[in-house]
N, C-alpha and C. Protein backbone atom coordinates (compact mmCIF):
# COMPACT_ATOMS: atom_id res chain seq x y z
N MET A 1 23.81 -32.34 -14.82
CA MET A 1 24.57 -31.50 -14.40
C MET A 1 25.91 -32.24 -14.11
N VAL A 2 26.99 -31.62 -14.40
CA VAL A 2 28.80 -32.08 -13.75
C VAL A 2 29.13 -31.16 -13.09
N THR A 3 29.72 -31.62 -12.09
CA THR A 3 30.56 -30.83 -11.07
C THR A 3 31.79 -31.17 -11.11
N GLU A 4 32.73 -30.15 -11.19
CA GLU A 4 33.77 -30.65 -11.83
C GLU A 4 34.72 -29.59 -10.50
N GLY A 5 35.23 -30.51 -9.29
CA GLY A 5 35.97 -29.88 -8.12
C GLY A 5 34.64 -28.80 -7.79
N SER A 6 34.93 -27.68 -7.65
CA SER A 6 34.04 -26.63 -7.05
C SER A 6 33.14 -26.08 -7.98
N GLU A 7 33.12 -26.38 -9.09
CA GLU A 7 32.30 -25.49 -10.61
C GLU A 7 31.27 -26.51 -11.17
N THR A 8 29.90 -25.69 -11.11
CA THR A 8 28.79 -27.04 -11.41
C THR A 8 28.61 -26.52 -13.01
N HIS A 9 28.33 -27.45 -13.79
CA HIS A 9 27.74 -26.79 -15.40
C HIS A 9 27.02 -27.76 -15.66
N HIS A 10 25.35 -26.89 -16.21
CA HIS A 10 24.65 -27.55 -16.61
C HIS A 10 24.68 -27.81 -17.65
N ARG A 11 24.07 -29.28 -18.48
CA ARG A 11 24.44 -29.56 -19.89
C ARG A 11 23.39 -29.63 -20.37
N HIS A 12 23.05 -29.42 -21.50
CA HIS A 12 21.70 -30.02 -22.21
C HIS A 12 21.88 -30.81 -23.65
N ALA A 13 21.13 -31.35 -24.07
CA ALA A 13 21.17 -31.88 -25.38
C ALA A 13 22.25 -31.63 -26.02
N GLY A 14 23.15 -32.33 -26.72
CA GLY A 14 24.13 -32.02 -27.65
C GLY A 14 25.87 -31.32 -27.22
N ASP A 15 25.50 -30.86 -25.69
CA ASP A 15 26.50 -29.79 -25.18
C ASP A 15 27.47 -31.05 -25.01
N SER A 16 28.83 -30.15 -25.14
CA SER A 16 30.20 -30.91 -24.65
C SER A 16 30.93 -30.43 -23.40
N LEU A 17 31.94 -30.94 -22.97
CA LEU A 17 32.39 -30.48 -21.79
C LEU A 17 33.73 -31.01 -21.94
N GLY A 18 34.94 -30.26 -21.79
CA GLY A 18 36.28 -30.69 -21.68
C GLY A 18 36.83 -30.59 -20.13
N PHE A 19 37.13 -31.20 -19.68
CA PHE A 19 38.15 -31.18 -18.32
C PHE A 19 39.14 -30.74 -18.09
N GLY A 20 39.52 -30.05 -17.32
CA GLY A 20 41.06 -29.30 -17.18
C GLY A 20 41.85 -30.33 -16.34
N LEU A 21 42.71 -29.98 -15.25
CA LEU A 21 43.51 -30.33 -14.50
C LEU A 21 42.17 -31.27 -13.41
N PRO A 22 43.18 -32.49 -13.17
CA PRO A 22 42.74 -33.62 -11.82
C PRO A 22 41.70 -33.03 -11.41
N ALA A 23 40.38 -33.44 -10.88
CA ALA A 23 39.67 -32.89 -9.98
C ALA A 23 38.67 -33.78 -10.02
N ASP A 24 37.93 -33.81 -8.69
CA ASP A 24 36.99 -34.97 -8.36
C ASP A 24 35.60 -34.29 -9.33
N VAL A 25 35.02 -35.17 -9.66
CA VAL A 25 33.84 -35.07 -11.27
C VAL A 25 32.81 -35.60 -10.23
N VAL A 26 31.55 -35.30 -10.33
CA VAL A 26 30.20 -36.20 -10.15
C VAL A 26 29.23 -35.76 -11.16
N ILE A 27 28.68 -36.32 -12.05
CA ILE A 27 27.70 -36.42 -12.93
C ILE A 27 26.32 -37.08 -12.71
N ALA A 28 25.64 -36.34 -12.81
CA ALA A 28 23.94 -35.87 -12.05
C ALA A 28 22.95 -35.61 -12.86
N ASN A 29 22.12 -36.71 -12.95
CA ASN A 29 20.66 -36.10 -13.52
C ASN A 29 19.69 -36.35 -12.60
N ARG A 30 19.41 -34.84 -12.25
CA ARG A 30 18.46 -34.52 -11.05
C ARG A 30 16.78 -34.64 -11.66
N THR A 31 16.79 -35.19 -12.88
CA THR A 31 15.41 -34.87 -13.62
C THR A 31 14.91 -35.92 -13.63
N ALA A 32 13.76 -36.29 -13.78
CA ALA A 32 12.89 -37.40 -14.17
C ALA A 32 12.54 -38.41 -15.20
N HIS A 33 13.66 -37.59 -16.20
CA HIS A 33 13.91 -38.21 -17.73
C HIS A 33 15.17 -38.77 -17.97
N PRO A 34 15.33 -39.95 -18.75
CA PRO A 34 16.97 -40.68 -18.92
C PRO A 34 17.85 -39.86 -19.75
N CYS A 35 18.84 -40.38 -18.93
CA CYS A 35 20.10 -39.54 -19.47
C CYS A 35 21.35 -40.75 -20.02
N THR A 36 21.83 -39.71 -21.24
CA THR A 36 23.18 -41.04 -21.98
C THR A 36 24.28 -39.81 -21.97
N TYR A 37 25.10 -40.40 -21.49
CA TYR A 37 26.38 -39.44 -21.97
C TYR A 37 27.81 -40.57 -22.32
N LEU A 38 28.63 -40.04 -22.73
CA LEU A 38 29.47 -40.89 -23.59
C LEU A 38 30.65 -39.82 -22.99
N VAL A 39 31.92 -40.89 -22.44
CA VAL A 39 32.92 -40.25 -21.66
C VAL A 39 34.11 -41.00 -22.83
N ALA A 40 34.69 -40.12 -23.08
CA ALA A 40 36.04 -40.36 -24.17
C ALA A 40 37.31 -39.89 -23.58
N LEU A 41 38.46 -40.93 -23.37
CA LEU A 41 39.67 -40.28 -22.82
C LEU A 41 40.23 -40.41 -24.57
N ALA A 42 41.86 -39.21 -24.17
CA ALA A 42 42.53 -39.30 -24.85
C ALA A 42 43.83 -39.08 -24.39
N ARG A 43 44.99 -39.47 -24.84
CA ARG A 43 46.26 -39.49 -24.08
C ARG A 43 46.90 -38.56 -24.66
N SER A 44 48.05 -37.72 -24.97
CA SER A 44 49.00 -37.00 -25.88
C SER A 44 49.85 -37.01 -25.57
């Protein structure tokens, strides 16, 4: 689960998520299964 500001996104294997304007972000795994994620940053 990814919470960006006041918006919550439920992610599944293979999903992606692009972020908007700067906001507090919380990435949480609320399951008993392992979770791996990649964060990639790019400047334009």
